[in-house]
Protein backbone atom coordinates (compact mmCIF):
# COMPACT_ATOMS: atom_id res chain seq x y z
CA MET A 1 25.09 -1.64 3.75
CA PRO A 2 24.90 -3.13 0.59
CA ILE A 3 21.35 -3.28 -0.03
CA ILE A 4 19.51 -0.30 -1.11
CA VAL A 5 15.98 0.31 -0.73
CA ASN A 6 14.50 2.15 -3.56
CA LEU A 7 10.95 2.44 -2.13
CA ASP A 8 11.10 6.44 -2.79
CA VAL A 9 11.81 6.00 -6.31
CA MET A 10 9.19 3.77 -7.13
CA MET A 11 6.62 5.67 -5.18
CA ALA A 12 7.26 8.81 -6.86
CA ARG A 13 7.47 7.05 -10.37
CA ARG A 14 3.50 5.73 -9.51
CA LYS A 15 2.76 8.95 -7.88
CA MET A 16 1.86 7.25 -4.53
CA SER A 17 2.00 9.03 -1.14
CA LEU A 18 3.52 6.83 1.88
CA ASN A 19 0.15 7.67 3.29
CA GLU A 20 -2.10 6.05 0.58
CA LEU A 21 0.74 2.98 0.48
CA SER A 22 0.59 2.35 3.90
CA GLU A 23 -3.43 1.92 3.73
CA LYS A 24 -3.59 -0.21 0.18
CA VAL A 25 -0.68 -2.43 2.02
CA ASN A 26 -1.98 -2.50 5.38
CA ILE A 27 1.38 -1.63 6.98
CA THR A 28 1.75 1.15 9.53
CA LEU A 29 3.33 4.26 8.46
CA ALA A 30 6.24 3.87 11.20
CA ASN A 31 7.06 0.58 9.69
CA LEU A 32 6.56 1.88 6.20
CA SER A 33 9.27 5.05 6.76
CA ILE A 34 11.80 2.47 8.45
CA LEU A 35 11.71 0.38 5.52
CA LYS A 36 11.65 3.58 2.92
CA THR A 37 14.66 5.23 4.78
CA GLY A 38 16.55 1.83 4.51
CA LYS A 39 16.95 1.66 8.12
CA ALA A 40 14.71 -1.71 8.16
CA LYS A 41 17.08 -4.86 9.44
CA ALA A 42 14.74 -7.65 7.53
CA VAL A 43 11.14 -7.67 5.38
CA ARG A 44 8.51 -10.02 4.90
CA PHE A 45 8.01 -11.69 1.85
CA SER A 46 4.46 -11.37 2.28
CA THR A 47 5.23 -7.45 3.30
CA LEU A 48 7.29 -7.46 -0.21
CA GLU A 49 4.69 -9.07 -1.93
CA ALA A 50 1.77 -6.39 -0.95
CA ILE A 51 4.32 -3.61 -1.62
CA CYS A 52 5.05 -4.98 -5.32
CA GLU A 53 1.34 -5.47 -5.81
CA ALA A 54 0.62 -2.04 -4.84
CA LEU A 55 2.75 -0.58 -7.45
CA ASP A 56 2.38 -2.88 -9.70
CA CYS A 57 6.29 -3.74 -9.70
CA GLN A 58 8.91 -6.43 -9.38
CA PRO A 59 10.77 -6.99 -6.15
CA GLY A 60 14.13 -6.05 -8.15
CA ASP A 61 12.71 -2.51 -8.62
CA ILE A 62 12.25 -1.65 -5.36
CA LEU A 63 15.44 -3.64 -3.42
CA GLU A 64 19.04 -2.68 -5.16
CA TYR A 65 22.46 -5.05 -4.37
CA VAL A 66 25.22 -2.41 -4.17
CA GLU A 67 28.38 -4.27 -3.70
CA ASP A 68 30.55 -2.63 -0.64
CA GLN A 69 33.53 0.12 -1.61
CA LYS A 70 35.96 -1.16 1.03
């Protein structure tokens, strides 16, 4: 998949646990974990906005496009 989710990298940089981010963003641990592992098929802008606010980052810090190597 050409979209890479770097949520775990930003969480590590901010020294924030999955539980803490879940509480700040008001998203279940299960849904946040799906996003973190890159298994999510979509993300709402409101969710992305809340995550960026909690981690003090930009959407581009979390989502990255990598061209397929086919």
